[in-house]
Amino acid sequence: MSTFIDQLATDLAVFLNTDEFAQDVIYNDGNGPVTIPAVVDFAADGVTPGDQASILVKKSDVSSPDYRQTFTIDSVVWYVRPVSKDKDFVLSQDDQCYLLAISKNERFNQWRT
């Protein structure tokens, strides 16, 4: 009999499967690009439609989201962007995943004064 945690891991494996919901994206944290599976939501709320999105990634693939890290999605570069005045880069998270805000604008900061 599987535990609840086992079932969550199975669900995550299905959700982040490129034959199901995910797509391959290229993640670069400054140490070189790597291809990882991710679920991208281009309909995420944003100031400029089409310029902002959210991306769901495994923590094992993106260990520490930060400024100037990039995701290349369909040959377009997207930048991890802050989601708070404190420059937090995570919209939400659990034990296994991050939901991050990304923008086509490298210098996006809606809290700029």
C-alpha atoms as a PDB file:
ATOM      1  CA  MET A   1       0.000   0.000   0.000  1.00  0.00           C
ATOM      2  CA  SER A   2       1.401   3.387  -0.946  1.00  0.00           C
ATOM      3  CA  THR A   3       1.507   6.366   1.363  1.00  0.00           C
ATOM      4  CA  PHE A   4       0.130   9.802   0.633  1.00  0.00           C
ATOM      5  CA  ILE A   5       3.693  11.079   0.030  1.00  0.00           C
ATOM      6  CA  ASP A   6       4.303   8.243  -2.448  1.00  0.00           C
ATOM      7  CA  GLN A   7       1.117   9.171  -4.297  1.00  0.00           C
ATOM      8  CA  LEU A   8       2.136  12.842  -4.457  1.00  0.00           C
ATOM      9  CA  ALA A   9       5.493  11.848  -5.949  1.00  0.00           C
ATOM     10  CA  THR A  10       3.695   9.703  -8.533  1.00  0.00           C
ATOM     11  CA  ASP A  11       1.318  12.558  -9.375  1.00  0.00           C
ATOM     12  CA  LEU A  12       4.246  14.952  -9.751  1.00  0.00           C
ATOM     13  CA  ALA A  13       6.031  12.506 -12.044  1.00  0.00           C
ATOM     14  CA  VAL A  14       2.945  12.421 -14.287  1.00  0.00           C
ATOM     15  CA  PHE A  15       2.376  16.173 -14.175  1.00  0.00           C
ATOM     16  CA  LEU A  16       6.018  16.967 -15.055  1.00  0.00           C
ATOM     17  CA  ASN A  17       6.163  14.297 -17.758  1.00  0.00           C
ATOM     18  CA  THR A  18       6.781  15.832 -21.204  1.00  0.00           C
ATOM     19  CA  ASP A  19       4.389  13.265 -22.702  1.00  0.00           C
ATOM     20  CA  GLU A  20       1.642  14.628 -20.450  1.00  0.00           C
ATOM     21  CA  PHE A  21       1.531  18.268 -19.247  1.00  0.00           C
ATOM     22  CA  ALA A  22       5.154  19.439 -19.172  1.00  0.00           C
ATOM     23  CA  GLN A  23       7.528  20.609 -21.854  1.00  0.00           C
ATOM     24  CA  ASP A  24      11.302  20.669 -22.020  1.00  0.00           C
ATOM     25  CA  VAL A  25      12.795  24.069 -21.187  1.00  0.00           C
ATOM     26  CA  ILE A  26      16.403  25.149 -20.858  1.00  0.00           C
ATOM     27  CA  TYR A  27      17.274  26.398 -17.378  1.00  0.00           C
ATOM     28  CA  ASN A  28      20.427  28.425 -16.764  1.00  0.00           C
ATOM     29  CA  ASP A  29      21.443  29.423 -13.242  1.00  0.00           C
ATOM     30  CA  GLY A  30      24.742  30.911 -14.414  1.00  0.00           C
ATOM     31  CA  ASN A  31      26.571  27.592 -14.242  1.00  0.00           C
ATOM     32  CA  GLY A  32      25.530  26.509 -17.716  1.00  0.00           C
ATOM     33  CA  PRO A  33      22.294  25.477 -19.395  1.00  0.00           C
ATOM     34  CA  VAL A  34      20.455  22.245 -18.614  1.00  0.00           C
ATOM     35  CA  THR A  35      17.250  20.879 -20.093  1.00  0.00           C
ATOM     36  CA  ILE A  36      14.516  20.208 -17.531  1.00  0.00           C
ATOM     37  CA  PRO A  37      10.784  19.446 -17.655  1.00  0.00           C
ATOM     38  CA  ALA A  38       8.456  22.261 -16.585  1.00  0.00           C
ATOM     39  CA  VAL A  39       4.820  23.283 -16.770  1.00  0.00           C
ATOM     40  CA  VAL A  40       4.512  26.808 -18.156  1.00  0.00           C
ATOM     41  CA  ASP A  41       1.375  28.931 -17.720  1.00  0.00           C
ATOM     42  CA  PHE A  42       1.403  31.743 -20.253  1.00  0.00           C
ATOM     43  CA  ALA A  43      -1.994  32.930 -19.000  1.00  0.00           C
ATOM     44  CA  ALA A  44      -0.550  34.017 -15.650  1.00  0.00           C
ATOM     45  CA  ASP A  45      -1.661  37.424 -14.397  1.00  0.00           C
ATOM     46  CA  GLY A  46       0.629  40.152 -15.569  1.00  0.00           C
ATOM     47  CA  VAL A  47       0.956  43.841 -16.320  1.00  0.00           C
ATOM     48  CA  THR A  48       1.690  43.192 -19.993  1.00  0.00           C
ATOM     49  CA  PRO A  49      -0.084  40.142 -21.439  1.00  0.00           C
ATOM     50  CA  GLY A  50       2.350  37.833 -23.181  1.00  0.00           C
ATOM     51  CA  ASP A  51       5.371  39.226 -21.340  1.00  0.00           C
ATOM     52  CA  GLN A  52       4.860  37.360 -18.065  1.00  0.00           C
ATOM     53  CA  ALA A  53       4.143  33.766 -17.137  1.00  0.00           C
ATOM     54  CA  SER A  54       4.529  31.281 -14.322  1.00  0.00           C
ATOM     55  CA  ILE A  55       6.552  28.094 -14.390  1.00  0.00           C
ATOM     56  CA  LEU A  56       6.328  24.968 -12.234  1.00  0.00           C
ATOM     57  CA  VAL A  57       9.653  23.177 -11.719  1.00  0.00           C
ATOM     58  CA  LYS A  58      11.075  20.488  -9.448  1.00  0.00           C
ATOM     59  CA  LYS A  59      13.291  21.714  -6.618  1.00  0.00           C
ATOM     60  CA  SER A  60      15.792  19.044  -7.596  1.00  0.00           C
ATOM     61  CA  ASP A  61      16.130  20.805 -10.986  1.00  0.00           C
ATOM     62  CA  VAL A  62      16.073  24.414  -9.711  1.00  0.00           C
ATOM     63  CA  SER A  63      17.556  24.369  -6.233  1.00  0.00           C
ATOM     64  CA  SER A  64      17.703  28.107  -5.541  1.00  0.00           C
ATOM     65  CA  PRO A  65      15.740  30.475  -7.821  1.00  0.00           C
ATOM     66  CA  ASP A  66      17.382  33.884  -8.112  1.00  0.00           C
ATOM     67  CA  TYR A  67      17.722  37.082 -10.129  1.00  0.00           C
ATOM     68  CA  ARG A  68      19.054  36.738 -13.699  1.00  0.00           C
ATOM     69  CA  GLN A  69      18.471  33.020 -13.877  1.00  0.00           C
ATOM     70  CA  THR A  70      16.782  32.148 -17.143  1.00  0.00           C
ATOM     71  CA  PHE A  71      14.449  29.685 -18.776  1.00  0.00           C
ATOM     72  CA  THR A  72      14.511  29.367 -22.552  1.00  0.00           C
ATOM     73  CA  ILE A  73      11.071  28.316 -23.726  1.00  0.00           C
ATOM     74  CA  ASP A  74      10.478  27.749 -27.447  1.00  0.00           C
ATOM     75  CA  SER A  75      13.687  29.705 -28.220  1.00  0.00           C
ATOM     76  CA  VAL A  76      12.560  32.722 -26.145  1.00  0.00           C
ATOM     77  CA  VAL A  77      14.522  33.716 -23.029  1.00  0.00           C
ATOM     78  CA  TRP A  78      12.469  34.300 -19.868  1.00  0.00           C
ATOM     79  CA  TYR A  79      13.918  35.686 -16.622  1.00  0.00           C
ATOM     80  CA  VAL A  80      13.070  34.718 -13.056  1.00  0.00           C
ATOM     81  CA  ARG A  81      11.454  37.816 -11.570  1.00  0.00           C
ATOM     82  CA  PRO A  82      10.787  38.999  -8.028  1.00  0.00           C
ATOM     83  CA  VAL A  83       7.293  38.521  -6.674  1.00  0.00           C
ATOM     84  CA  SER A  84       7.623  40.820  -3.650  1.00  0.00           C
ATOM     85  CA  LYS A  85       9.363  43.978  -2.506  1.00  0.00           C
ATOM     86  CA  ASP A  86      11.782  41.769  -0.595  1.00  0.00           C
ATOM     87  CA  LYS A  87      12.876  40.237  -3.913  1.00  0.00           C
ATOM     88  CA  ASP A  88      11.446  36.833  -3.121  1.00  0.00           C
ATOM     89  CA  PHE A  89      11.413  34.825  -6.352  1.00  0.00           C
ATOM     90  CA  VAL A  90       8.938  32.082  -5.396  1.00  0.00           C
ATOM     91  CA  LEU A  91       5.177  32.413  -5.920  1.00  0.00           C
ATOM     92  CA  SER A  92       4.572  29.199  -3.983  1.00  0.00           C
ATOM     93  CA  GLN A  93       6.337  25.987  -3.089  1.00  0.00           C
ATOM     94  CA  ASP A  94       5.999  22.622  -1.441  1.00  0.00           C
ATOM     95  CA  ASP A  95       8.526  19.934  -0.547  1.00  0.00           C
ATOM     96  CA  GLN A  96       9.174  19.057  -4.189  1.00  0.00           C
ATOM     97  CA  CYS A  97       8.291  22.020  -6.435  1.00  0.00           C
ATOM     98  CA  TYR A  98       8.576  25.732  -6.980  1.00  0.00           C
ATOM     99  CA  LEU A  99       6.061  27.906  -8.792  1.00  0.00           C
ATOM    100  CA  LEU A 100       8.056  30.852 -10.140  1.00  0.00           C
ATOM    101  CA  ALA A 101       7.139  34.096 -11.863  1.00  0.00           C
ATOM    102  CA  ILE A 102       9.025  34.702 -15.103  1.00  0.00           C
ATOM    103  CA  SER A 103       9.193  37.648 -17.475  1.00  0.00           C
ATOM    104  CA  LYS A 104      10.573  38.379 -20.924  1.00  0.00           C
ATOM    105  CA  ASN A 105      11.903  41.635 -19.432  1.00  0.00           C
ATOM    106  CA  GLU A 106      15.216  41.026 -17.633  1.00  0.00           C
ATOM    107  CA  ARG A 107      14.781  44.093 -15.441  1.00  0.00           C
ATOM    108  CA  PHE A 108      11.107  43.619 -14.565  1.00  0.00           C
ATOM    109  CA  ASN A 109      10.331  44.965 -11.094  1.00  0.00           C
ATOM    110  CA  GLN A 110       6.817  46.178 -10.409  1.00  0.00           C
ATOM    111  CA  TRP A 111       7.961  47.630  -7.061  1.00  0.00           C
ATOM    112  CA  ARG A 112      10.553  49.948  -8.552  1.00  0.00           C
ATOM    113  CA  THR A 113      10.199  53.506  -7.280  1.00  0.00           C
END
